[in-house]
């Protein structure tokens, strides 16, 4: 492995105020659940509300929504509309590019010089403390780092922050994962204390399992 040069080991000077724009991905139809993942209920909150609470006080988020979720927003669905006052919404039909296509759709709403966070809505056990820790790690990165990934007990997870210079690479890539792991030297792994970075739900069974964990950890708040 190439040894970083002295310049790469020098912390950047202006990172503390660097803008990071959350892109909340909620374009999955949630077909196995019978409703959009974003509207999955966890106590008194939806997965979407949890995501926006965790991203509060960063930059104005972009919500990439499925047509079904978009209809719920337009129709004034209480569970949907409560979470998104003032948020920019992009309606996206997931195609061949899957999650990456959703990310690119949201990225069109982010300034060219802005860093951005890939935040999938189906990680409801995430907390604001984890997001804050990841942001701090990203802003304190070395010049050789352009990606920040949380890690718990050696396992990487979500969300992920990208520096603005990776926009073009993502547009040409087959997946976001391919970009993240193309060169380990440019990834800053940020150690966190919560397993929530790897606990998502893709099926009804997974939803029940994650819901149980949520209620045990946080109660019906």
Protein backbone atom coordinates (compact mmCIF):
# COMPACT_ATOMS: atom_id res chain seq x y z
CA UNK A 1 0.00 0.00 0.00
CA UNK A 2 1.30 3.47 -0.90
CA UNK A 3 2.46 5.52 2.07
CA UNK A 4 0.68 8.92 2.30
CA UNK A 5 2.87 11.94 1.58
CA UNK A 6 3.46 14.58 4.28
CA UNK A 7 0.98 16.92 2.58
CA UNK A 8 -1.70 14.24 2.72
CA UNK A 9 -1.15 13.87 6.45
CA UNK A 10 -1.69 17.58 7.11
CA UNK A 11 -5.22 18.29 8.34
CA UNK A 12 -7.19 20.63 6.04
CA UNK A 13 -7.62 24.19 7.29
CA UNK A 14 -11.22 25.12 6.55
CA UNK A 15 -13.20 21.98 7.22
CA UNK A 16 -15.19 22.88 10.39
CA UNK A 17 -17.70 25.00 8.44
CA UNK A 18 -17.87 22.79 5.36
CA UNK A 19 -21.41 22.34 4.04
CA UNK A 20 -22.78 18.79 3.93
CA UNK A 21 -26.19 18.28 2.31
CA UNK A 22 -28.21 15.22 3.42
CA UNK A 23 -29.82 13.29 0.55
CA UNK A 24 -32.49 11.11 2.11
CA UNK A 25 -33.26 8.17 -0.14
CA UNK A 26 -36.89 7.06 0.10
CA UNK A 27 -37.65 6.00 -3.49
CA UNK A 28 -38.11 2.33 -2.62
CA UNK A 29 -41.72 1.28 -3.07
CA UNK A 30 -41.68 -0.90 0.05
CA UNK A 31 -43.79 -3.44 -1.85
CA UNK A 32 -43.16 -6.27 0.63
CA UNK A 33 -44.44 -4.04 3.45
CA UNK A 34 -47.57 -2.85 1.71
CA UNK A 35 -46.58 0.81 2.18
CA UNK A 36 -43.50 3.00 1.51
CA UNK A 37 -40.56 2.31 3.83
CA UNK A 38 -40.46 5.99 4.70
CA UNK A 39 -43.87 5.68 6.35
CA UNK A 40 -43.00 2.63 8.45
CA UNK A 41 -44.02 3.42 12.01
CA UNK A 42 -41.52 3.31 14.90
CA UNK A 43 -43.28 4.27 18.10
CA UNK A 44 -44.91 7.63 17.41
CA UNK A 45 -42.57 8.44 14.52
CA UNK A 46 -42.13 7.28 10.97
CA UNK A 47 -38.79 6.27 9.49
CA UNK A 48 -38.95 9.52 7.51
CA UNK A 49 -39.44 11.65 10.62
CA UNK A 50 -36.51 9.91 12.32
CA UNK A 51 -34.29 10.60 9.31
CA UNK A 52 -35.15 14.30 9.26
CA UNK A 53 -34.65 14.65 13.00
CA UNK A 54 -31.21 13.05 12.69
CA UNK A 55 -30.27 15.43 9.87
CA UNK A 56 -31.57 18.58 11.56
CA UNK A 57 -29.20 21.54 11.82
CA UNK A 58 -26.95 20.37 8.98
CA UNK A 59 -28.00 21.78 5.59
CA UNK A 60 -31.43 21.75 3.98
CA UNK A 61 -32.08 18.08 3.14
CA UNK A 62 -33.19 16.70 -0.20
CA UNK A 63 -35.81 13.94 -0.07
CA UNK A 64 -35.77 11.51 -3.00
CA UNK A 65 -39.26 10.01 -2.91
CA UNK A 66 -41.03 7.24 -4.79
CA UNK A 67 -44.15 8.19 -6.79
CA UNK A 68 -46.22 6.46 -4.10
CA UNK A 69 -44.64 8.49 -1.32
CA UNK A 70 -44.96 11.59 -3.47
CA UNK A 71 -48.70 11.01 -3.76
CA UNK A 72 -48.94 10.66 0.02
CA UNK A 73 -47.14 14.00 0.39
CA UNK A 74 -49.36 15.73 -2.18
CA UNK A 75 -52.52 14.30 -0.61
CA UNK A 76 -51.59 15.64 2.80
CA UNK A 77 -50.96 12.26 4.40
CA UNK A 78 -50.31 13.23 8.03
CA UNK A 79 -47.51 10.70 8.55
CA UNK A 80 -45.71 11.97 5.46
CA UNK A 81 -46.30 15.71 5.55
CA UNK A 82 -45.41 16.11 9.23
CA UNK A 83 -41.80 15.30 8.46
CA UNK A 84 -41.09 17.47 5.45
CA UNK A 85 -41.91 21.18 5.96
CA UNK A 86 -39.59 23.22 3.73
CA UNK A 87 -37.72 20.18 2.44
CA UNK A 88 -36.89 19.88 -1.25
CA UNK A 89 -38.55 16.80 -2.71
CA UNK A 90 -37.49 14.94 -5.87
CA UNK A 91 -39.85 12.27 -7.22
CA UNK A 92 -37.81 9.42 -8.68
CA UNK A 93 -38.78 6.11 -10.23
CA UNK A 94 -36.12 3.60 -9.28
CA UNK A 95 -34.67 2.05 -12.43
CA UNK A 96 -31.65 -0.03 -13.34
CA UNK A 97 -29.32 2.11 -11.27
CA UNK A 98 -31.28 1.49 -8.07
CA UNK A 99 -29.94 3.38 -5.05
CA UNK A 100 -27.32 5.15 -7.14
CA UNK A 101 -30.01 6.48 -9.47
CA UNK A 102 -31.86 7.87 -6.45
CA UNK A 103 -28.68 9.47 -5.14
CA UNK A 104 -27.97 11.12 -8.50
CA UNK A 105 -31.54 12.42 -8.68
CA UNK A 106 -31.08 14.09 -5.30
CA UNK A 107 -27.60 15.28 -6.15
CA UNK A 108 -29.03 17.47 -8.91
CA UNK A 109 -30.44 19.64 -6.07
CA UNK A 110 -27.09 20.03 -4.27
CA UNK A 111 -24.62 22.85 -5.07
CA UNK A 112 -21.63 21.69 -7.12
CA UNK A 113 -19.22 22.61 -4.34
CA UNK A 114 -21.25 20.96 -1.57
CA UNK A 115 -20.36 17.70 0.14
CA UNK A 116 -23.30 15.33 0.49
CA UNK A 117 -24.55 12.54 2.72
CA UNK A 118 -26.16 9.39 1.37
CA UNK A 119 -28.80 8.63 3.99
CA UNK A 120 -31.11 5.68 3.31
CA UNK A 121 -34.46 6.09 5.08
CA UNK A 122 -34.61 2.46 6.22
CA UNK A 123 -32.08 2.80 9.05
CA UNK A 124 -34.47 3.93 11.83
CA UNK A 125 -32.15 2.94 14.68
CA UNK A 126 -29.68 5.64 13.67
CA UNK A 127 -29.44 8.60 16.04
CA UNK A 128 -28.43 12.22 15.70
CA UNK A 129 -25.33 11.41 17.77
CA UNK A 130 -24.10 8.96 15.10
CA UNK A 131 -24.72 11.48 12.32
CA UNK A 132 -22.94 14.18 14.31
CA UNK A 133 -19.96 11.89 14.94
CA UNK A 134 -19.73 11.09 11.23
CA UNK A 135 -19.88 14.78 10.32
CA UNK A 136 -17.13 15.60 12.79
CA UNK A 137 -14.98 12.83 11.36
CA UNK A 138 -15.55 13.99 7.80
CA UNK A 139 -14.73 17.60 8.58
CA UNK A 140 -11.55 16.57 10.39
CA UNK A 141 -10.39 14.30 7.55
CA UNK A 142 -6.98 14.37 5.90
CA UNK A 143 -6.56 15.73 2.35
CA UNK A 144 -6.19 12.15 1.07
CA UNK A 145 -9.72 11.35 2.28
CA UNK A 146 -12.82 12.15 0.22
CA UNK A 147 -15.33 9.72 1.78
CA UNK A 148 -16.40 9.17 5.40
CA UNK A 149 -17.95 5.85 6.44
CA UNK A 150 -19.07 4.91 9.97
CA UNK A 151 -17.68 1.71 11.44
CA UNK A 152 -18.82 -0.33 14.44
CA UNK A 153 -16.67 -3.22 15.68
CA UNK A 154 -14.92 -3.49 12.34
CA UNK A 155 -18.09 -3.40 10.22
CA UNK A 156 -18.84 -0.45 7.95
CA UNK A 157 -22.34 0.93 7.51
CA UNK A 158 -24.54 3.95 6.76
CA UNK A 159 -24.86 6.86 6.23
CA UNK A 160 -21.92 7.83 4.01
CA UNK A 161 -20.53 11.29 3.27
CA UNK A 162 -18.87 12.17 -0.05
CA UNK A 163 -16.69 15.16 -0.90
CA UNK A 164 -17.96 17.23 -3.86
CA UNK A 165 -15.13 16.11 -6.18
CA UNK A 166 -16.69 12.63 -6.36
CA UNK A 167 -19.84 13.77 -8.17
CA UNK A 168 -18.49 12.95 -11.64
CA UNK A 169 -17.20 9.57 -10.55
CA UNK A 170 -20.60 8.64 -9.11
CA UNK A 171 -22.32 9.66 -12.35
CA UNK A 172 -20.13 7.18 -14.26
CA UNK A 173 -20.23 4.37 -11.68
CA UNK A 174 -22.27 1.18 -11.56
CA UNK A 175 -23.06 1.68 -7.86
CA UNK A 176 -22.25 3.95 -4.94
CA UNK A 177 -20.56 0.99 -3.23
CA UNK A 178 -18.15 0.66 -6.15
CA UNK A 179 -17.06 4.26 -5.62
CA UNK A 180 -16.74 3.90 -1.85
CA UNK A 181 -14.48 0.86 -2.02
CA UNK A 182 -12.56 1.62 -5.21
CA UNK A 183 -9.61 2.94 -3.22
CA UNK A 184 -9.46 2.33 0.52
CA UNK A 185 -6.83 5.04 0.94
CA UNK A 186 -9.37 7.78 0.32
CA UNK A 187 -11.93 6.45 2.84
CA UNK A 188 -11.96 7.74 6.40
CA UNK A 189 -13.59 5.17 8.65
CA UNK A 190 -15.21 6.86 11.63
CA UNK A 191 -15.62 4.67 14.69
CA UNK A 192 -19.06 4.86 16.31
CA UNK A 193 -20.58 3.13 19.33
CA UNK A 194 -23.87 1.98 17.82
CA UNK A 195 -24.70 -1.06 15.71
CA UNK A 196 -27.51 0.97 14.12
CA UNK A 197 -25.28 1.80 11.14
CA UNK A 198 -25.90 -1.72 9.84
CA UNK A 199 -29.52 -2.33 10.87
CA UNK A 200 -31.94 -1.66 8.02
CA UNK A 201 -35.19 -3.32 6.91
CA UNK A 202 -36.00 -4.64 3.44
CA UNK A 203 -38.83 -7.05 4.23
CA UNK A 204 -41.81 -7.29 6.54
CA UNK A 205 -39.88 -9.72 8.77
CA UNK A 206 -36.91 -7.34 8.96
CA UNK A 207 -39.26 -4.47 9.77
CA UNK A 208 -40.72 -6.38 12.71
CA UNK A 209 -37.24 -7.23 13.95
CA UNK A 210 -35.97 -3.64 13.72
CA UNK A 211 -39.19 -2.31 15.24
CA UNK A 212 -38.71 -4.58 18.23
CA UNK A 213 -35.17 -3.27 18.71
CA UNK A 214 -36.38 0.31 18.37
CA UNK A 215 -39.05 -0.11 21.05
CA UNK A 216 -36.60 -1.82 23.42
CA UNK A 217 -34.03 0.93 22.98
CA UNK A 218 -36.20 4.03 22.80
CA UNK A 219 -39.70 3.06 23.89
CA UNK A 220 -42.84 4.36 22.11
CA UNK A 221 -41.50 7.92 21.86
